[in-house]
Amino acid sequence: MQGKKFIAKHKSGTLLVLYVFVCFVCMTFTSTGFVLKPRQLGLSVFSLFQQGFSSAGGFLSETFNSIRVLGELRTEYEAALDRLRYYEQIEKDILVLKDENRRLSEVLAFSGAAVYENIPAKIIGKDPQNFHTTLVVNQGSLSGIGKDMTVIGIQGGHQGLVGKVLSVGLNSSIVQPLYDPNAFVAARLLTSRYEGLVNGTGDDTITLRYVKRYARSEIRFGDTVITSGLGASIFPEGIEIGTVKTISARSYDTSLELTLEPLIDFSRLEYVYILKPAKTDSSNSGSADGS
């Protein structure tokens, strides 16, 4: 069975060998000086088989060489792929480092140019059950952080209110963000100067309440809302909070309720700045009391 498969596979070569063998036998018997010499006949037949084996050996040798070359090419190809992946990872790392450097440069630039003395901090934790409840930063009392200090952030070149320090540890602090329903901020509209109270809603928006109803004609969508710094507010005046998104009022209410789009996108927030309270001149106040 295997012999038939071999003959079918090498049909052309088999026919050639048989053809040469038959020609040789015919030439031998038709020659005028024909003398049957077994030795010569055997040598001739052996020569034919030798050439056949030589051709087969050459074919096998070339086949094994081709397989070896293909193996070497495959190895080189895989090595090239590994180098490509390595260079791609380096490129990604460079982009990440550039982005990190940009953010840190932004942090340092703001820290040096800010009106208020501030402490840069990095967000190291968020409440997994409620994203808008608390944030944890990597600065605490050892860095001069105190309860109720104002926390702001920088995004797109603008500074916006993040919240306030809720509690302080030695090396970390918990920040209450604007989104918290228990957060309240005295605020005003930047253009029209009407005042109200910002309150968190527990989702991605915040609300400005208690704005005088007659101010409706002067308020526009997209108007900026800032901290007012009035009353017992712990937030300094002039910090951006967000922009007007919707305006609503019930018929029996005497005030407007404005839904705001916060300036800071908390889902992308990584660094914050904790503002230290402005120092009072104790010597001047002492002399004033004395007079």
C-alpha atoms as a PDB file:
ATOM      1  CA  MET A   1       0.000   0.000   0.000  1.00  0.00           C
ATOM      2  CA  GLN A   2       2.802   2.356   0.889  1.00  0.00           C
ATOM      3  CA  GLY A   3       4.622   1.423  -2.364  1.00  0.00           C
ATOM      4  CA  LYS A   4       1.588   2.402  -4.405  1.00  0.00           C
ATOM      5  CA  LYS A   5       1.376   5.704  -2.591  1.00  0.00           C
ATOM      6  CA  PHE A   6       5.095   6.342  -3.239  1.00  0.00           C
ATOM      7  CA  ILE A   7       4.730   5.511  -6.990  1.00  0.00           C
ATOM      8  CA  ALA A   8       1.626   7.711  -7.280  1.00  0.00           C
ATOM      9  CA  LYS A   9       3.422  10.547  -5.520  1.00  0.00           C
ATOM     10  CA  HIS A  10       6.598  10.220  -7.675  1.00  0.00           C
ATOM     11  CA  LYS A  11       4.937   9.123 -10.897  1.00  0.00           C
ATOM     12  CA  SER A  12       7.110  11.272 -13.208  1.00  0.00           C
ATOM     13  CA  GLY A  13      10.392  10.083 -11.704  1.00  0.00           C
ATOM     14  CA  THR A  14       9.348   6.412 -11.774  1.00  0.00           C
ATOM     15  CA  LEU A  15       8.357   6.594 -15.418  1.00  0.00           C
ATOM     16  CA  LEU A  16      11.653   8.266 -16.295  1.00  0.00           C
ATOM     17  CA  VAL A  17      13.686   5.530 -14.604  1.00  0.00           C
ATOM     18  CA  LEU A  18      11.691   2.777 -16.307  1.00  0.00           C
ATOM     19  CA  TYR A  19      12.029   4.517 -19.658  1.00  0.00           C
ATOM     20  CA  VAL A  20      15.805   4.819 -19.375  1.00  0.00           C
ATOM     21  CA  PHE A  21      16.104   1.219 -18.190  1.00  0.00           C
ATOM     22  CA  VAL A  22      14.045  -0.098 -21.157  1.00  0.00           C
ATOM     23  CA  CYS A  23      16.053   1.996 -23.635  1.00  0.00           C
ATOM     24  CA  PHE A  24      19.292   0.705 -22.225  1.00  0.00           C
ATOM     25  CA  VAL A  25      18.126  -2.938 -22.484  1.00  0.00           C
ATOM     26  CA  CYS A  26      16.909  -2.417 -26.064  1.00  0.00           C
ATOM     27  CA  MET A  27      20.163  -0.798 -27.119  1.00  0.00           C
ATOM     28  CA  THR A  28      22.104  -3.655 -25.605  1.00  0.00           C
ATOM     29  CA  PHE A  29      20.125  -6.374 -27.397  1.00  0.00           C
ATOM     30  CA  THR A  30      20.041  -4.584 -30.807  1.00  0.00           C
ATOM     31  CA  SER A  31      23.773  -3.942 -30.868  1.00  0.00           C
ATOM     32  CA  THR A  32      25.682  -5.980 -33.591  1.00  0.00           C
ATOM     33  CA  GLY A  33      28.379  -6.892 -31.228  1.00  0.00           C
ATOM     34  CA  PHE A  34      26.036  -7.975 -28.572  1.00  0.00           C
ATOM     35  CA  VAL A  35      27.653  -9.905 -25.812  1.00  0.00           C
ATOM     36  CA  LEU A  36      25.758 -10.401 -22.611  1.00  0.00           C
ATOM     37  CA  LYS A  37      28.008  -9.378 -19.820  1.00  0.00           C
ATOM     38  CA  PRO A  38      26.246  -9.609 -16.477  1.00  0.00           C
ATOM     39  CA  ARG A  39      28.877  -7.505 -14.775  1.00  0.00           C
ATOM     40  CA  GLN A  40      28.394  -4.568 -17.148  1.00  0.00           C
ATOM     41  CA  LEU A  41      24.657  -4.938 -16.981  1.00  0.00           C
ATOM     42  CA  GLY A  42      24.748  -4.926 -13.214  1.00  0.00           C
ATOM     43  CA  LEU A  43      26.965  -1.853 -13.146  1.00  0.00           C
ATOM     44  CA  SER A  44      24.633  -0.034 -15.493  1.00  0.00           C
ATOM     45  CA  VAL A  45      21.588  -0.891 -13.441  1.00  0.00           C
ATOM     46  CA  PHE A  46      23.417   0.022 -10.214  1.00  0.00           C
ATOM     47  CA  SER A  47      24.471   3.343 -11.776  1.00  0.00           C
ATOM     48  CA  LEU A  48      20.858   4.160 -12.553  1.00  0.00           C
ATOM     49  CA  PHE A  49      19.771   3.387  -9.021  1.00  0.00           C
ATOM     50  CA  GLN A  50      22.734   5.342  -7.637  1.00  0.00           C
ATOM     51  CA  GLN A  51      21.722   8.411  -9.600  1.00  0.00           C
ATOM     52  CA  GLY A  52      18.169   8.008  -8.361  1.00  0.00           C
ATOM     53  CA  PHE A  53      19.283   7.730  -4.741  1.00  0.00           C
ATOM     54  CA  SER A  54      21.598  10.702  -5.238  1.00  0.00           C
ATOM     55  CA  SER A  55      18.719  12.815  -6.569  1.00  0.00           C
ATOM     56  CA  ALA A  56      16.478  11.707  -3.705  1.00  0.00           C
ATOM     57  CA  GLY A  57      19.231  12.515  -1.196  1.00  0.00           C
ATOM     58  CA  GLY A  58      19.703  15.963  -2.717  1.00  0.00           C
ATOM     59  CA  PHE A  59      15.974  16.576  -2.551  1.00  0.00           C
ATOM     60  CA  LEU A  60      15.826  15.534   1.123  1.00  0.00           C
ATOM     61  CA  SER A  61      18.865  17.655   1.948  1.00  0.00           C
ATOM     62  CA  GLU A  62      17.325  20.719   0.332  1.00  0.00           C
ATOM     63  CA  THR A  63      14.042  20.036   2.128  1.00  0.00           C
ATOM     64  CA  PHE A  64      15.736  19.814   5.548  1.00  0.00           C
ATOM     65  CA  ASN A  65      17.724  22.989   4.777  1.00  0.00           C
ATOM     66  CA  SER A  66      14.504  24.786   3.831  1.00  0.00           C
ATOM     67  CA  ILE A  67      12.848  23.651   7.065  1.00  0.00           C
ATOM     68  CA  ARG A  68      15.854  24.886   9.060  1.00  0.00           C
ATOM     69  CA  VAL A  69      15.817  28.265   7.288  1.00  0.00           C
ATOM     70  CA  LEU A  70      12.066  28.603   7.914  1.00  0.00           C
ATOM     71  CA  GLY A  71      12.646  27.835  11.596  1.00  0.00           C
ATOM     72  CA  GLU A  72      15.338  30.506  11.801  1.00  0.00           C
ATOM     73  CA  LEU A  73      13.078  33.031  10.040  1.00  0.00           C
ATOM     74  CA  ARG A  74      10.247  32.246  12.449  1.00  0.00           C
ATOM     75  CA  THR A  75      12.562  32.765  15.429  1.00  0.00           C
ATOM     76  CA  GLU A  76      13.738  36.097  14.018  1.00  0.00           C
ATOM     77  CA  TYR A  77      10.112  37.112  13.332  1.00  0.00           C
ATOM     78  CA  GLU A  78       9.071  36.347  16.919  1.00  0.00           C
ATOM     79  CA  ALA A  79      12.088  38.253  18.245  1.00  0.00           C
ATOM     80  CA  ALA A  80      11.118  41.234  16.066  1.00  0.00           C
ATOM     81  CA  LEU A  81       7.551  41.085  17.443  1.00  0.00           C
ATOM     82  CA  ASP A  82       8.902  41.066  20.998  1.00  0.00           C
ATOM     83  CA  ARG A  83      11.033  44.132  20.249  1.00  0.00           C
ATOM     84  CA  LEU A  84       8.019  45.871  18.694  1.00  0.00           C
ATOM     85  CA  ARG A  85       5.901  45.186  21.789  1.00  0.00           C
ATOM     86  CA  TYR A  86       8.736  46.455  23.988  1.00  0.00           C
ATOM     87  CA  TYR A  87       9.017  49.722  22.023  1.00  0.00           C
ATOM     88  CA  GLU A  88       5.228  50.151  22.047  1.00  0.00           C
ATOM     89  CA  GLN A  89       5.216  49.789  25.852  1.00  0.00           C
ATOM     90  CA  ILE A  90       8.042  52.335  26.117  1.00  0.00           C
ATOM     91  CA  GLU A  91       6.014  54.752  23.994  1.00  0.00           C
ATOM     92  CA  LYS A  92       2.963  54.276  26.239  1.00  0.00           C
ATOM     93  CA  ASP A  93       5.094  54.814  29.356  1.00  0.00           C
ATOM     94  CA  ILE A  94       6.496  58.019  27.863  1.00  0.00           C
ATOM     95  CA  LEU A  95       2.978  59.319  27.160  1.00  0.00           C
ATOM     96  CA  VAL A  96       1.897  58.485  30.724  1.00  0.00           C
ATOM     97  CA  LEU A  97       4.960  60.249  32.137  1.00  0.00           C
ATOM     98  CA  LYS A  98       4.323  63.297  29.948  1.00  0.00           C
ATOM     99  CA  ASP A  99       0.739  63.481  31.154  1.00  0.00           C
ATOM    100  CA  GLU A 100       1.824  63.049  34.779  1.00  0.00           C
ATOM    101  CA  ASN A 101       4.484  65.742  34.309  1.00  0.00           C
ATOM    102  CA  ARG A 102       1.881  68.093  32.845  1.00  0.00           C
ATOM    103  CA  ARG A 103      -0.425  67.603  35.835  1.00  0.00           C
ATOM    104  CA  LEU A 104       2.405  68.050  38.332  1.00  0.00           C
ATOM    105  CA  SER A 105       3.560  71.194  36.513  1.00  0.00           C
ATOM    106  CA  GLU A 106       0.018  72.499  36.760  1.00  0.00           C
ATOM    107  CA  VAL A 107       0.021  71.721  40.473  1.00  0.00           C
ATOM    108  CA  LEU A 108       3.319  73.523  41.078  1.00  0.00           C
ATOM    109  CA  ALA A 109       2.355  76.490  38.889  1.00  0.00           C
ATOM    110  CA  PHE A 110      -0.881  77.044  40.778  1.00  0.00           C
ATOM    111  CA  SER A 111       0.732  76.458  44.156  1.00  0.00           C
ATOM    112  CA  GLY A 112       3.301  79.178  43.476  1.00  0.00           C
ATOM    113  CA  ALA A 113       0.895  81.712  41.989  1.00  0.00           C
ATOM    114  CA  ALA A 114      -2.120  81.249  44.282  1.00  0.00           C
ATOM    115  CA  VAL A 115      -3.289  84.157  46.423  1.00  0.00           C
ATOM    116  CA  TYR A 116      -3.912  81.898  49.407  1.00  0.00           C
ATOM    117  CA  GLU A 117      -1.278  79.773  51.081  1.00  0.00           C
ATOM    118  CA  ASN A 118      -2.071  76.220  50.015  1.00  0.00           C
ATOM    119  CA  ILE A 119      -0.974  72.621  50.455  1.00  0.00           C
ATOM    120  CA  PRO A 120      -1.068  70.363  47.368  1.00  0.00           C
ATOM    121  CA  ALA A 121      -2.482  66.904  48.042  1.00  0.00           C
ATOM    122  CA  LYS A 122      -3.225  63.781  46.024  1.00  0.00           C
ATOM    123  CA  ILE A 123      -6.492  61.875  46.211  1.00  0.00           C
ATOM    124  CA  ILE A 124      -5.691  58.383  47.471  1.00  0.00           C
ATOM    125  CA  GLY A 125      -9.156  57.030  48.189  1.00  0.00           C
ATOM    126  CA  LYS A 126     -12.845  57.337  47.381  1.00  0.00           C
ATOM    127  CA  ASP A 127     -15.898  55.767  48.955  1.00  0.00           C
ATOM    128  CA  PRO A 128     -16.585  52.678  46.781  1.00  0.00           C
ATOM    129  CA  GLN A 129     -20.259  52.605  47.755  1.00  0.00           C
ATOM    130  CA  ASN A 130     -20.962  56.287  47.122  1.00  0.00           C
ATOM    131  CA  PHE A 131     -18.553  58.100  44.833  1.00  0.00           C
ATOM    132  CA  HIS A 132     -19.902  61.519  45.861  1.00  0.00           C
ATOM    133  CA  THR A 133     -19.714  61.102  49.652  1.00  0.00           C
ATOM    134  CA  THR A 134     -16.066  61.415  50.692  1.00  0.00           C
ATOM    135  CA  LEU A 135     -12.557  61.721  49.277  1.00  0.00           C
ATOM    136  CA  VAL A 136      -9.327  60.799  51.052  1.00  0.00           C
ATOM    137  CA  VAL A 137      -6.151  62.844  50.436  1.00  0.00           C
ATOM    138  CA  ASN A 138      -2.533  62.141  51.405  1.00  0.00           C
ATOM    139  CA  GLN A 139      -1.996  65.170  53.642  1.00  0.00           C
ATOM    140  CA  GLY A 140      -2.886  65.480  57.320  1.00  0.00           C
ATOM    141  CA  SER A 141      -2.178  67.412  60.496  1.00  0.00           C
ATOM    142  CA  LEU A 142       1.584  66.864  60.136  1.00  0.00           C
ATOM    143  CA  SER A 143       1.398  68.986  56.983  1.00  0.00           C
ATOM    144  CA  GLY A 144      -0.666  71.698  58.659  1.00  0.00           C
ATOM    145  CA  ILE A 145      -4.098  70.527  57.519  1.00  0.00           C
ATOM    146  CA  GLY A 146      -7.032  71.465  59.753  1.00  0.00           C
ATOM    147  CA  LYS A 147     -10.757  70.749  59.831  1.00  0.00           C
ATOM    148  CA  ASP A 148     -13.054  72.897  57.611  1.00  0.00           C
ATOM    149  CA  MET A 149     -10.230  74.087  55.370  1.00  0.00           C
ATOM    150  CA  THR A 150     -11.331  74.853  51.802  1.00  0.00           C
ATOM    151  CA  VAL A 151     -10.395  72.330  49.098  1.00  0.00           C
ATOM    152  CA  ILE A 152     -10.145  73.349  45.433  1.00  0.00           C
ATOM    153  CA  GLY A 153      -9.034  71.679  42.211  1.00  0.00           C
ATOM    154  CA  ILE A 154      -7.638  72.697  38.825  1.00  0.00           C
ATOM    155  CA  GLN A 155      -9.026  71.447  35.503  1.00  0.00           C
ATOM    156  CA  GLY A 156      -8.642  72.962  32.052  1.00  0.00           C
ATOM    157  CA  GLY A 157      -6.679  75.868  33.490  1.00  0.00           C
ATOM    158  CA  HIS A 158      -9.548  76.887  35.817  1.00  0.00           C
ATOM    159  CA  GLN A 159      -9.767  76.495  39.571  1.00  0.00           C
ATOM    160  CA  GLY A 160     -13.007  75.292  41.079  1.00  0.00           C
ATOM    161  CA  LEU A 161     -14.394  74.409  44.468  1.00  0.00           C
ATOM    162  CA  VAL A 162     -14.100  70.749  45.486  1.00  0.00           C
ATOM    163  CA  GLY A 163     -15.358  70.920  49.080  1.00  0.00           C
ATOM    164  CA  LYS A 164     -13.949  71.179  52.576  1.00  0.00           C
ATOM    165  CA  VAL A 165     -11.868  69.096  54.980  1.00  0.00           C
ATOM    166  CA  LEU A 166     -14.219  67.001  57.094  1.00  0.00           C
ATOM    167  CA  SER A 167     -11.753  65.229  59.396  1.00  0.00           C
ATOM    168  CA  VAL A 168      -7.969  65.096  59.780  1.00  0.00           C
ATOM    169  CA  GLY A 169      -5.475  62.336  60.570  1.00  0.00           C
ATOM    170  CA  LEU A 170      -1.711  62.560  60.928  1.00  0.00           C
ATOM    171  CA  ASN A 171      -0.912  61.806  57.284  1.00  0.00           C
ATOM    172  CA  SER A 172      -4.317  61.860  55.586  1.00  0.00           C
ATOM    173  CA  SER A 173      -7.585  63.748  55.611  1.00  0.00           C
ATOM    174  CA  ILE A 174     -11.180  63.165  54.582  1.00  0.00           C
ATOM    175  CA  VAL A 175     -12.736  65.728  52.239  1.00  0.00           C
ATOM    176  CA  GLN A 176     -16.468  66.397  51.958  1.00  0.00           C
ATOM    177  CA  PRO A 177     -17.185  67.140  48.274  1.00  0.00           C
ATOM    178  CA  LEU A 178     -19.778  69.547  46.889  1.00  0.00           C
ATOM    179  CA  TYR A 179     -21.961  66.629  45.798  1.00  0.00           C
ATOM    180  CA  ASP A 180     -22.627  65.566  49.392  1.00  0.00           C
ATOM    181  CA  PRO A 181     -26.256  66.438  50.352  1.00  0.00           C
ATOM    182  CA  ASN A 182     -24.903  67.689  53.696  1.00  0.00           C
ATOM    183  CA  ALA A 183     -22.614  70.222  51.976  1.00  0.00           C
ATOM    184  CA  PHE A 184     -23.755  73.879  51.923  1.00  0.00           C
ATOM    185  CA  VAL A 185     -21.907  76.835  50.362  1.00  0.00           C
ATOM    186  CA  ALA A 186     -22.838  80.527  50.374  1.00  0.00           C
ATOM    187  CA  ALA A 187     -22.722  81.561  46.705  1.00  0.00           C
ATOM    188  CA  ARG A 188     -23.631  84.251  44.182  1.00  0.00           C
ATOM    189  CA  LEU A 189     -24.065  84.602  40.447  1.00  0.00           C
ATOM    190  CA  LEU A 190     -20.961  86.237  38.992  1.00  0.00           C
ATOM    191  CA  THR A 191     -22.734  88.499  36.482  1.00  0.00           C
ATOM    192  CA  SER A 192     -26.028  89.462  38.104  1.00  0.00           C
ATOM    193  CA  ARG A 193     -24.613  89.254  41.685  1.00  0.00           C
ATOM    194  CA  TYR A 194     -27.735  87.590  43.099  1.00  0.00           C
ATOM    195  CA  GLU A 195     -27.008  85.358  46.078  1.00  0.00           C
ATOM    196  CA  GLY A 196     -28.160  81.935  47.204  1.00  0.00           C
ATOM    197  CA  LEU A 197     -27.088  78.721  48.915  1.00  0.00           C
ATOM    198  CA  VAL A 198     -25.445  75.847  47.033  1.00  0.00           C
ATOM    199  CA  ASN A 199     -26.394  72.377  48.202  1.00  0.00           C
ATOM    200  CA  GLY A 200     -25.238  68.921  47.061  1.00  0.00           C
ATOM    201  CA  THR A 201     -27.770  66.498  45.588  1.00  0.00           C
ATOM    202  CA  GLY A 202     -25.850  63.225  45.858  1.00  0.00           C
ATOM    203  CA  ASP A 203     -25.387  62.875  42.100  1.00  0.00           C
ATOM    204  CA  ASP A 204     -23.500  64.685  39.316  1.00  0.00           C
ATOM    205  CA  THR A 205     -25.267  68.015  39.824  1.00  0.00           C
ATOM    206  CA  ILE A 206     -25.594  70.592  42.584  1.00  0.00           C
ATOM    207  CA  THR A 207     -28.350  73.125  43.289  1.00  0.00           C
ATOM    208  CA  LEU A 208     -28.356  76.860  43.991  1.00  0.00           C
ATOM    209  CA  ARG A 209     -31.427  77.640  46.116  1.00  0.00           C
ATOM    210  CA  TYR A 210     -33.096  80.745  47.582  1.00  0.00           C
ATOM    211  CA  VAL A 211     -32.328  83.050  44.636  1.00  0.00           C
ATOM    212  CA  LYS A 212     -34.857  85.918  44.476  1.00  0.00           C
ATOM    213  CA  ARG A 213     -37.677  85.153  42.050  1.00  0.00           C
ATOM    214  CA  TYR A 214     -37.522  88.556  40.362  1.00  0.00           C
ATOM    215  CA  ALA A 215     -33.921  87.795  39.315  1.00  0.00           C
ATOM    216  CA  ARG A 216     -35.203  85.399  36.639  1.00  0.00           C
ATOM    217  CA  SER A 217     -34.979  87.947  33.812  1.00  0.00           C
ATOM    218  CA  GLU A 218     -31.286  88.579  34.534  1.00  0.00           C
ATOM    219  CA  ILE A 219     -30.122  84.965  34.803  1.00  0.00           C
ATOM    220  CA  ARG A 220     -28.873  83.108  31.734  1.00  0.00           C
ATOM    221  CA  PHE A 221     -28.017  79.484  31.120  1.00  0.00           C
ATOM    222  CA  GLY A 222     -24.259  79.054  31.459  1.00  0.00           C
ATOM    223  CA  ASP A 223     -23.866  81.904  33.979  1.00  0.00           C
ATOM    224  CA  THR A 224     -20.991  81.292  36.411  1.00  0.00           C
ATOM    225  CA  VAL A 225     -21.650  80.781  40.122  1.00  0.00           C
ATOM    226  CA  ILE A 226     -18.909  81.603  42.665  1.00  0.00           C
ATOM    227  CA  THR A 227     -18.488  81.509  46.446  1.00  0.00           C
ATOM    228  CA  SER A 228     -19.736  84.691  48.124  1.00  0.00           C
ATOM    229  CA  GLY A 229     -17.692  84.487  51.331  1.00  0.00           C
ATOM    230  CA  LEU A 230     -20.611  86.028  53.267  1.00  0.00           C
ATOM    231  CA  GLY A 231     -21.798  85.315  56.768  1.00  0.00           C
ATOM    232  CA  ALA A 232     -20.201  82.449  58.613  1.00  0.00           C
ATOM    233  CA  SER A 233     -19.007  80.839  55.379  1.00  0.00           C
ATOM    234  CA  ILE A 234     -15.666  79.042  55.663  1.00  0.00           C
ATOM    235  CA  PHE A 235     -15.064  79.381  51.905  1.00  0.00           C
ATOM    236  CA  PRO A 236     -13.128  82.397  50.602  1.00  0.00           C
ATOM    237  CA  GLU A 237     -14.881  84.705  48.160  1.00  0.00           C
ATOM    238  CA  GLY A 238     -14.571  84.306  44.390  1.00  0.00           C
ATOM    239  CA  ILE A 239     -13.931  80.574  43.938  1.00  0.00           C
ATOM    240  CA  GLU A 240     -15.834  79.167  40.941  1.00  0.00           C
ATOM    241  CA  ILE A 241     -18.412  76.520  41.748  1.00  0.00           C
ATOM    242  CA  GLY A 242     -20.141  75.795  38.438  1.00  0.00           C
ATOM    243  CA  THR A 243     -22.461  77.108  35.729  1.00  0.00           C
ATOM    244  CA  VAL A 244     -26.244  77.377  35.468  1.00  0.00           C
ATOM    245  CA  LYS A 245     -27.769  74.338  33.789  1.00  0.00           C
ATOM    246  CA  THR A 246     -31.516  74.667  34.474  1.00  0.00           C
ATOM    247  CA  ILE A 247     -33.783  77.285  36.079  1.00  0.00           C
ATOM    248  CA  SER A 248     -37.011  76.339  37.829  1.00  0.00           C
ATOM    249  CA  ALA A 249     -39.568  77.762  40.253  1.00  0.00           C
ATOM    250  CA  ARG A 250     -42.937  76.611  41.495  1.00  0.00           C
ATOM    251  CA  SER A 251     -45.825  79.030  41.202  1.00  0.00           C
ATOM    252  CA  TYR A 252     -46.154  79.462  44.952  1.00  0.00           C
ATOM    253  CA  ASP A 253     -42.396  79.831  45.655  1.00  0.00           C
ATOM    254  CA  THR A 254     -40.803  83.204  46.183  1.00  0.00           C
ATOM    255  CA  SER A 255     -37.364  81.988  45.085  1.00  0.00           C
ATOM    256  CA  LEU A 256     -35.692  80.250  42.171  1.00  0.00           C
ATOM    257  CA  GLU A 257     -33.915  76.929  42.166  1.00  0.00           C
ATOM    258  CA  LEU A 258     -30.953  76.647  39.767  1.00  0.00           C
ATOM    259  CA  THR A 259     -29.349  73.357  38.827  1.00  0.00           C
ATOM    260  CA  LEU A 260     -25.606  73.780  38.363  1.00  0.00           C
ATOM    261  CA  GLU A 261     -22.999  71.915  36.335  1.00  0.00           C
ATOM    262  CA  PRO A 262     -19.940  71.740  38.657  1.00  0.00           C
ATOM    263  CA  LEU A 263     -16.717  73.156  37.239  1.00  0.00           C
ATOM    264  CA  ILE A 264     -14.734  70.176  38.549  1.00  0.00           C
ATOM    265  CA  ASP A 265     -15.270  66.736  37.029  1.00  0.00           C
ATOM    266  CA  PHE A 266     -14.701  64.532  40.079  1.00  0.00           C
ATOM    267  CA  SER A 267     -14.279  61.398  37.950  1.00  0.00           C
ATOM    268  CA  ARG A 268     -11.012  62.868  36.563  1.00  0.00           C
ATOM    269  CA  LEU A 269      -9.828  64.603  39.729  1.00  0.00           C
ATOM    270  CA  GLU A 270      -6.408  63.441  40.993  1.00  0.00           C
ATOM    271  CA  TYR A 271      -4.847  66.404  42.803  1.00  0.00           C
ATOM    272  CA  VAL A 272      -6.386  69.066  45.046  1.00  0.00           C
ATOM    273  CA  TYR A 273      -5.190  72.130  46.956  1.00  0.00           C
ATOM    274  CA  ILE A 274      -6.088  72.729  50.573  1.00  0.00           C
ATOM    275  CA  LEU A 275      -6.235  76.447  51.382  1.00  0.00           C
ATOM    276  CA  LYS A 276      -4.940  77.688  54.688  1.00  0.00           C
ATOM    277  CA  PRO A 277      -6.950  80.469  56.375  1.00  0.00           C
ATOM    278  CA  ALA A 278      -5.556  83.973  55.901  1.00  0.00           C
ATOM    279  CA  LYS A 279      -3.428  85.040  58.872  1.00  0.00           C
ATOM    280  CA  THR A 280      -4.600  88.045  60.860  1.00  0.00           C
ATOM    281  CA  ASP A 281      -2.172  90.693  62.058  1.00  0.00           C
ATOM    282  CA  SER A 282      -2.298  90.114  65.821  1.00  0.00           C
ATOM    283  CA  SER A 283      -0.040  93.084  66.564  1.00  0.00           C
ATOM    284  CA  ASN A 284      -2.347  95.536  64.808  1.00  0.00           C
ATOM    285  CA  SER A 285      -5.414  94.095  66.469  1.00  0.00           C
ATOM    286  CA  GLY A 286      -3.697  94.292  69.838  1.00  0.00           C
ATOM    287  CA  SER A 287      -2.808  97.943  69.401  1.00  0.00           C
ATOM    288  CA  ALA A 288      -6.320  98.720  68.248  1.00  0.00           C
ATOM    289  CA  ASP A 289      -7.761  97.111  71.365  1.00  0.00           C
ATOM    290  CA  GLY A 290      -5.322  98.986  73.509  1.00  0.00           C
ATOM    291  CA  SER A 291      -6.322 102.329  72.047  1.00  0.00           C
END
